[in-house]
Amino acid sequence: MRRYIDKDYATLVRWHKKWGQVAPDKAHLPEIGYVLEGKAMGFLYQTDGTFAFVEEIIRNPDTKEGVSEVIEALTSTARELGFSLVIGFTKVKKMTERVETLGFMQLPGDYTGVVRRIR
């Protein structure tokens, strides 16, 4: 596991294309992100409140590994930075099931909101 660096953006775009999605604009990505080489990456969006967002989680479509590890690294960093909650949103049922195994709870609505108390 390592921190996201600018050159990783090409991989992010490639994975989004393979999934039939559009990658976020590079300028919209936050400072903190993690990459599990060849497997998955994700980002921590900080707020000026007591919560942060764990978002833009994506895995290489050619593997089924790495997502949990990236989420745990982002959550750990959020905890170290003093946040008390991490929140994420997804429409992907398998992602919802995965994060529930990591201690997140579902919130009601059309989008599935997940939240995990870390402090």
N, C-alpha and C. Protein backbone atom coordinates (compact mmCIF):
# COMPACT_ATOMS: atom_id res chain seq x y z
N MET A 1 0.86 -1.17 0.00
CA MET A 1 0.00 0.00 0.00
C MET A 1 0.89 1.23 0.00
N ARG A 2 0.51 2.21 -0.81
CA ARG A 2 1.27 3.45 -0.85
C ARG A 2 0.31 4.60 -1.12
N ARG A 3 0.81 5.80 -0.92
CA ARG A 3 0.02 7.00 -1.20
C ARG A 3 -0.13 7.19 -2.70
N TYR A 4 -1.26 7.71 -3.09
CA TYR A 4 -1.54 8.07 -4.47
C TYR A 4 -0.59 9.18 -4.90
N ILE A 5 -0.07 9.07 -6.12
CA ILE A 5 0.75 10.13 -6.70
C ILE A 5 0.17 10.48 -8.07
N ASP A 6 0.55 11.62 -8.58
CA ASP A 6 -0.03 12.16 -9.81
C ASP A 6 0.00 11.17 -10.97
N LYS A 7 1.06 10.41 -11.10
CA LYS A 7 1.15 9.49 -12.24
C LYS A 7 0.14 8.35 -12.16
N ASP A 8 -0.49 8.13 -11.01
CA ASP A 8 -1.52 7.10 -10.86
C ASP A 8 -2.82 7.46 -11.56
N TYR A 9 -2.96 8.73 -11.94
CA TYR A 9 -4.20 9.15 -12.57
C TYR A 9 -4.48 8.37 -13.85
N ALA A 10 -3.47 8.05 -14.62
CA ALA A 10 -3.67 7.29 -15.86
C ALA A 10 -4.29 5.92 -15.56
N THR A 11 -3.87 5.29 -14.48
CA THR A 11 -4.44 4.02 -14.08
C THR A 11 -5.89 4.20 -13.65
N LEU A 12 -6.17 5.25 -12.90
CA LEU A 12 -7.54 5.55 -12.47
C LEU A 12 -8.46 5.68 -13.68
N VAL A 13 -8.01 6.42 -14.67
CA VAL A 13 -8.80 6.62 -15.90
C VAL A 13 -9.01 5.29 -16.62
N ARG A 14 -7.95 4.51 -16.74
CA ARG A 14 -8.02 3.22 -17.44
C ARG A 14 -9.02 2.28 -16.74
N TRP A 15 -8.97 2.21 -15.43
CA TRP A 15 -9.90 1.34 -14.71
C TRP A 15 -11.34 1.83 -14.88
N HIS A 16 -11.56 3.13 -14.82
CA HIS A 16 -12.91 3.65 -15.03
C HIS A 16 -13.42 3.28 -16.41
N LYS A 17 -12.59 3.41 -17.42
CA LYS A 17 -13.00 3.06 -18.78
C LYS A 17 -13.37 1.58 -18.87
N LYS A 18 -12.57 0.72 -18.23
CA LYS A 18 -12.87 -0.72 -18.25
C LYS A 18 -14.21 -1.02 -17.58
N TRP A 19 -14.58 -0.22 -16.59
CA TRP A 19 -15.86 -0.39 -15.89
C TRP A 19 -17.00 0.31 -16.63
N GLY A 20 -16.68 1.03 -17.72
CA GLY A 20 -17.72 1.78 -18.45
C GLY A 20 -18.13 3.05 -17.73
N GLN A 21 -17.22 3.61 -16.97
CA GLN A 21 -17.48 4.82 -16.19
C GLN A 21 -16.58 5.95 -16.64
N VAL A 22 -16.91 7.15 -16.21
CA VAL A 22 -16.07 8.31 -16.47
C VAL A 22 -15.29 8.64 -15.20
N ALA A 23 -14.00 8.79 -15.34
CA ALA A 23 -13.15 9.11 -14.18
C ALA A 23 -13.39 10.55 -13.74
N PRO A 24 -13.19 10.83 -12.47
CA PRO A 24 -13.30 12.22 -12.01
C PRO A 24 -12.18 13.05 -12.61
N ASP A 25 -12.44 14.33 -12.71
CA ASP A 25 -11.39 15.25 -13.16
C ASP A 25 -10.25 15.20 -12.16
N LYS A 26 -9.05 15.21 -12.66
CA LYS A 26 -7.86 15.14 -11.80
C LYS A 26 -7.87 16.23 -10.73
N ALA A 27 -8.34 17.42 -11.10
CA ALA A 27 -8.36 18.54 -10.17
C ALA A 27 -9.35 18.34 -9.02
N HIS A 28 -10.28 17.39 -9.17
CA HIS A 28 -11.28 17.16 -8.13
C HIS A 28 -10.85 16.12 -7.11
N LEU A 29 -9.70 15.51 -7.34
CA LEU A 29 -9.23 14.51 -6.39
C LEU A 29 -8.57 15.19 -5.18
N PRO A 30 -8.79 14.64 -3.99
CA PRO A 30 -8.19 15.23 -2.79
C PRO A 30 -6.71 14.88 -2.67
N GLU A 31 -6.09 15.48 -1.70
CA GLU A 31 -4.67 15.27 -1.44
C GLU A 31 -4.36 13.84 -1.00
N ILE A 32 -5.26 13.25 -0.23
CA ILE A 32 -4.99 11.93 0.34
C ILE A 32 -5.68 10.83 -0.45
N GLY A 33 -4.89 9.91 -0.95
CA GLY A 33 -5.39 8.73 -1.62
C GLY A 33 -4.42 7.60 -1.42
N TYR A 34 -4.89 6.38 -1.57
CA TYR A 34 -4.04 5.20 -1.44
C TYR A 34 -4.20 4.30 -2.65
N VAL A 35 -3.10 3.62 -2.99
CA VAL A 35 -3.07 2.69 -4.11
C VAL A 35 -2.51 1.36 -3.61
N LEU A 36 -3.23 0.29 -3.90
CA LEU A 36 -2.70 -1.04 -3.73
C LEU A 36 -2.35 -1.49 -5.14
N GLU A 37 -1.09 -1.47 -5.43
CA GLU A 37 -0.56 -1.59 -6.79
C GLU A 37 -1.26 -2.68 -7.61
N GLY A 38 -1.83 -2.25 -8.73
CA GLY A 38 -2.47 -3.17 -9.67
C GLY A 38 -3.80 -3.71 -9.22
N LYS A 39 -4.27 -3.28 -8.04
CA LYS A 39 -5.50 -3.86 -7.51
C LYS A 39 -6.61 -2.86 -7.24
N ALA A 40 -6.32 -1.80 -6.48
CA ALA A 40 -7.40 -0.87 -6.08
C ALA A 40 -6.81 0.46 -5.65
N MET A 41 -7.67 1.47 -5.62
CA MET A 41 -7.28 2.77 -5.08
C MET A 41 -8.53 3.49 -4.57
N GLY A 42 -8.32 4.51 -3.74
CA GLY A 42 -9.42 5.29 -3.20
C GLY A 42 -8.89 6.54 -2.53
N PHE A 43 -9.83 7.42 -2.13
CA PHE A 43 -9.46 8.75 -1.67
C PHE A 43 -10.22 9.15 -0.41
N LEU A 44 -9.60 10.04 0.36
CA LEU A 44 -10.18 10.58 1.58
C LEU A 44 -10.46 12.06 1.37
N TYR A 45 -11.74 12.41 1.37
CA TYR A 45 -12.16 13.80 1.24
C TYR A 45 -12.41 14.34 2.65
N GLN A 46 -11.63 15.32 3.06
CA GLN A 46 -11.73 15.88 4.40
C GLN A 46 -12.75 17.01 4.44
N THR A 47 -13.40 17.16 5.58
CA THR A 47 -14.32 18.26 5.81
C THR A 47 -13.81 19.09 6.98
N ASP A 48 -14.46 20.22 7.23
CA ASP A 48 -14.08 21.01 8.40
C ASP A 48 -14.93 20.63 9.61
N GLY A 49 -15.68 19.54 9.46
CA GLY A 49 -16.46 18.99 10.56
C GLY A 49 -15.73 17.80 11.18
N THR A 50 -16.50 16.91 11.79
CA THR A 50 -15.90 15.75 12.46
C THR A 50 -15.97 14.49 11.62
N PHE A 51 -16.34 14.64 10.34
CA PHE A 51 -16.41 13.47 9.47
C PHE A 51 -15.65 13.72 8.17
N ALA A 52 -15.27 12.62 7.54
CA ALA A 52 -14.59 12.66 6.25
C ALA A 52 -15.29 11.67 5.33
N PHE A 53 -15.11 11.85 4.04
CA PHE A 53 -15.70 10.94 3.05
C PHE A 53 -14.63 10.01 2.49
N VAL A 54 -14.96 8.73 2.45
CA VAL A 54 -14.13 7.73 1.79
C VAL A 54 -14.81 7.49 0.45
N GLU A 55 -14.18 7.97 -0.61
CA GLU A 55 -14.85 7.97 -1.92
C GLU A 55 -13.91 7.61 -3.04
N GLU A 56 -14.51 7.52 -4.22
CA GLU A 56 -13.77 7.21 -5.44
C GLU A 56 -12.95 5.93 -5.26
N ILE A 57 -13.60 4.95 -4.60
CA ILE A 57 -12.98 3.64 -4.43
C ILE A 57 -13.17 2.87 -5.73
N ILE A 58 -12.10 2.40 -6.29
CA ILE A 58 -12.19 1.63 -7.53
C ILE A 58 -11.16 0.53 -7.51
N ARG A 59 -11.53 -0.59 -8.12
CA ARG A 59 -10.57 -1.68 -8.23
C ARG A 59 -10.33 -1.99 -9.70
N ASN A 60 -9.20 -2.58 -9.93
CA ASN A 60 -8.87 -3.06 -11.26
C ASN A 60 -9.90 -4.13 -11.63
N PRO A 61 -10.59 -3.98 -12.75
CA PRO A 61 -11.61 -4.98 -13.12
C PRO A 61 -11.04 -6.37 -13.35
N ASP A 62 -9.73 -6.47 -13.47
CA ASP A 62 -9.10 -7.77 -13.70
C ASP A 62 -8.78 -8.52 -12.40
N THR A 63 -9.15 -7.96 -11.26
CA THR A 63 -8.92 -8.62 -9.98
C THR A 63 -10.12 -8.38 -9.08
N LYS A 64 -10.22 -9.15 -8.03
CA LYS A 64 -11.29 -8.96 -7.05
C LYS A 64 -10.71 -8.58 -5.70
N GLU A 65 -9.46 -8.18 -5.68
CA GLU A 65 -8.74 -7.92 -4.44
C GLU A 65 -8.44 -6.44 -4.26
N GLY A 66 -8.18 -6.05 -3.01
CA GLY A 66 -7.62 -4.75 -2.72
C GLY A 66 -8.54 -3.70 -2.16
N VAL A 67 -9.83 -3.82 -2.41
CA VAL A 67 -10.76 -2.76 -1.98
C VAL A 67 -10.78 -2.62 -0.45
N SER A 68 -10.90 -3.71 0.25
CA SER A 68 -10.96 -3.65 1.72
C SER A 68 -9.71 -3.02 2.29
N GLU A 69 -8.56 -3.38 1.75
CA GLU A 69 -7.30 -2.85 2.25
C GLU A 69 -7.21 -1.34 2.04
N VAL A 70 -7.66 -0.87 0.89
CA VAL A 70 -7.64 0.57 0.60
C VAL A 70 -8.59 1.30 1.55
N ILE A 71 -9.78 0.76 1.75
CA ILE A 71 -10.74 1.39 2.66
C ILE A 71 -10.19 1.45 4.08
N GLU A 72 -9.55 0.39 4.52
CA GLU A 72 -8.97 0.38 5.87
C GLU A 72 -7.85 1.41 6.00
N ALA A 73 -7.03 1.56 4.96
CA ALA A 73 -5.96 2.56 5.01
C ALA A 73 -6.54 3.98 5.08
N LEU A 74 -7.58 4.23 4.29
CA LEU A 74 -8.23 5.55 4.32
C LEU A 74 -8.88 5.81 5.67
N THR A 75 -9.53 4.80 6.22
CA THR A 75 -10.18 4.93 7.53
C THR A 75 -9.15 5.19 8.62
N SER A 76 -8.05 4.49 8.57
CA SER A 76 -6.99 4.68 9.56
C SER A 76 -6.42 6.10 9.49
N THR A 77 -6.23 6.59 8.29
CA THR A 77 -5.73 7.97 8.12
C THR A 77 -6.75 8.97 8.66
N ALA A 78 -8.02 8.74 8.39
CA ALA A 78 -9.06 9.64 8.92
C ALA A 78 -9.03 9.67 10.44
N ARG A 79 -8.86 8.52 11.04
CA ARG A 79 -8.78 8.43 12.51
C ARG A 79 -7.57 9.22 13.01
N GLU A 80 -6.42 9.03 12.37
CA GLU A 80 -5.20 9.75 12.76
C GLU A 80 -5.36 11.26 12.64
N LEU A 81 -6.16 11.69 11.68
CA LEU A 81 -6.39 13.13 11.47
C LEU A 81 -7.45 13.70 12.42
N GLY A 82 -8.06 12.85 13.24
CA GLY A 82 -9.00 13.32 14.25
C GLY A 82 -10.47 13.25 13.86
N PHE A 83 -10.79 12.66 12.72
CA PHE A 83 -12.20 12.54 12.33
C PHE A 83 -12.86 11.44 13.16
N SER A 84 -14.15 11.62 13.45
CA SER A 84 -14.86 10.63 14.26
C SER A 84 -15.76 9.73 13.41
N LEU A 85 -16.05 10.12 12.19
CA LEU A 85 -16.86 9.30 11.28
C LEU A 85 -16.24 9.33 9.89
N VAL A 86 -16.38 8.22 9.18
CA VAL A 86 -16.10 8.22 7.75
C VAL A 86 -17.38 7.78 7.06
N ILE A 87 -17.69 8.44 5.96
CA ILE A 87 -18.94 8.22 5.23
C ILE A 87 -18.60 7.92 3.78
N GLY A 88 -19.36 7.02 3.18
CA GLY A 88 -19.20 6.73 1.76
C GLY A 88 -20.55 6.48 1.13
N PHE A 89 -20.64 6.69 -0.16
CA PHE A 89 -21.88 6.45 -0.89
C PHE A 89 -21.60 5.51 -2.05
N THR A 90 -22.54 4.61 -2.30
CA THR A 90 -22.40 3.67 -3.41
C THR A 90 -23.76 3.21 -3.88
N LYS A 91 -23.82 2.83 -5.15
CA LYS A 91 -25.01 2.17 -5.70
C LYS A 91 -24.71 0.69 -5.95
N VAL A 92 -23.50 0.28 -5.66
CA VAL A 92 -23.05 -1.08 -5.95
C VAL A 92 -23.32 -1.97 -4.74
N LYS A 93 -24.24 -2.92 -4.91
CA LYS A 93 -24.63 -3.78 -3.79
C LYS A 93 -23.44 -4.55 -3.20
N LYS A 94 -22.55 -5.05 -4.05
CA LYS A 94 -21.40 -5.79 -3.53
C LYS A 94 -20.50 -4.90 -2.67
N MET A 95 -20.38 -3.62 -3.03
CA MET A 95 -19.59 -2.70 -2.23
C MET A 95 -20.26 -2.49 -0.88
N THR A 96 -21.59 -2.34 -0.88
CA THR A 96 -22.33 -2.19 0.38
C THR A 96 -22.08 -3.39 1.28
N GLU A 97 -22.16 -4.58 0.71
CA GLU A 97 -21.93 -5.79 1.50
C GLU A 97 -20.50 -5.84 2.03
N ARG A 98 -19.55 -5.43 1.19
CA ARG A 98 -18.13 -5.46 1.60
C ARG A 98 -17.89 -4.51 2.78
N VAL A 99 -18.38 -3.28 2.68
CA VAL A 99 -18.07 -2.31 3.74
C VAL A 99 -18.80 -2.64 5.03
N GLU A 100 -19.92 -3.33 4.93
CA GLU A 100 -20.57 -3.76 6.16
C GLU A 100 -19.68 -4.73 6.94
N THR A 101 -18.88 -5.53 6.25
CA THR A 101 -17.95 -6.43 6.94
C THR A 101 -16.81 -5.66 7.59
N LEU A 102 -16.64 -4.39 7.19
CA LEU A 102 -15.59 -3.54 7.75
C LEU A 102 -16.12 -2.63 8.86
N GLY A 103 -17.38 -2.81 9.25
CA GLY A 103 -17.94 -2.05 10.36
C GLY A 103 -18.79 -0.86 9.96
N PHE A 104 -19.07 -0.69 8.68
CA PHE A 104 -19.95 0.40 8.24
C PHE A 104 -21.40 -0.03 8.40
N MET A 105 -22.30 0.96 8.53
CA MET A 105 -23.74 0.73 8.63
C MET A 105 -24.41 1.38 7.43
N GLN A 106 -25.48 0.77 6.94
CA GLN A 106 -26.23 1.36 5.83
C GLN A 106 -27.14 2.47 6.32
N LEU A 107 -27.26 3.49 5.49
CA LEU A 107 -28.23 4.55 5.72
C LEU A 107 -29.34 4.40 4.67
N PRO A 108 -30.58 4.79 4.96
CA PRO A 108 -31.66 4.62 3.99
C PRO A 108 -31.56 5.62 2.84
N GLY A 109 -32.20 5.29 1.71
CA GLY A 109 -32.27 6.19 0.56
C GLY A 109 -31.99 5.46 -0.74
N ASP A 110 -32.14 6.18 -1.85
CA ASP A 110 -31.89 5.58 -3.17
C ASP A 110 -30.42 5.23 -3.33
N TYR A 111 -29.55 6.11 -2.89
CA TYR A 111 -28.14 5.78 -2.82
C TYR A 111 -27.93 5.10 -1.49
N THR A 112 -27.06 4.16 -1.44
CA THR A 112 -26.75 3.54 -0.16
C THR A 112 -25.65 4.35 0.48
N GLY A 113 -25.95 4.98 1.60
CA GLY A 113 -24.94 5.68 2.36
C GLY A 113 -24.41 4.76 3.44
N VAL A 114 -23.12 4.74 3.61
CA VAL A 114 -22.53 3.92 4.66
C VAL A 114 -21.70 4.82 5.55
N VAL A 115 -21.71 4.51 6.81
CA VAL A 115 -20.97 5.32 7.78
C VAL A 115 -20.30 4.38 8.78
N ARG A 116 -19.14 4.75 9.24
CA ARG A 116 -18.43 3.96 10.24
C ARG A 116 -17.88 4.88 11.31
N ARG A 117 -18.25 4.64 12.56
CA ARG A 117 -17.71 5.40 13.67
C ARG A 117 -16.29 4.90 13.93
N ILE A 118 -15.34 5.83 13.97
CA ILE A 118 -13.94 5.43 14.17
C ILE A 118 -13.33 6.05 15.42
N ARG A 119 -14.10 6.79 16.13
CA ARG A 119 -13.63 7.40 17.36
C ARG A 119 -14.76 7.50 18.34
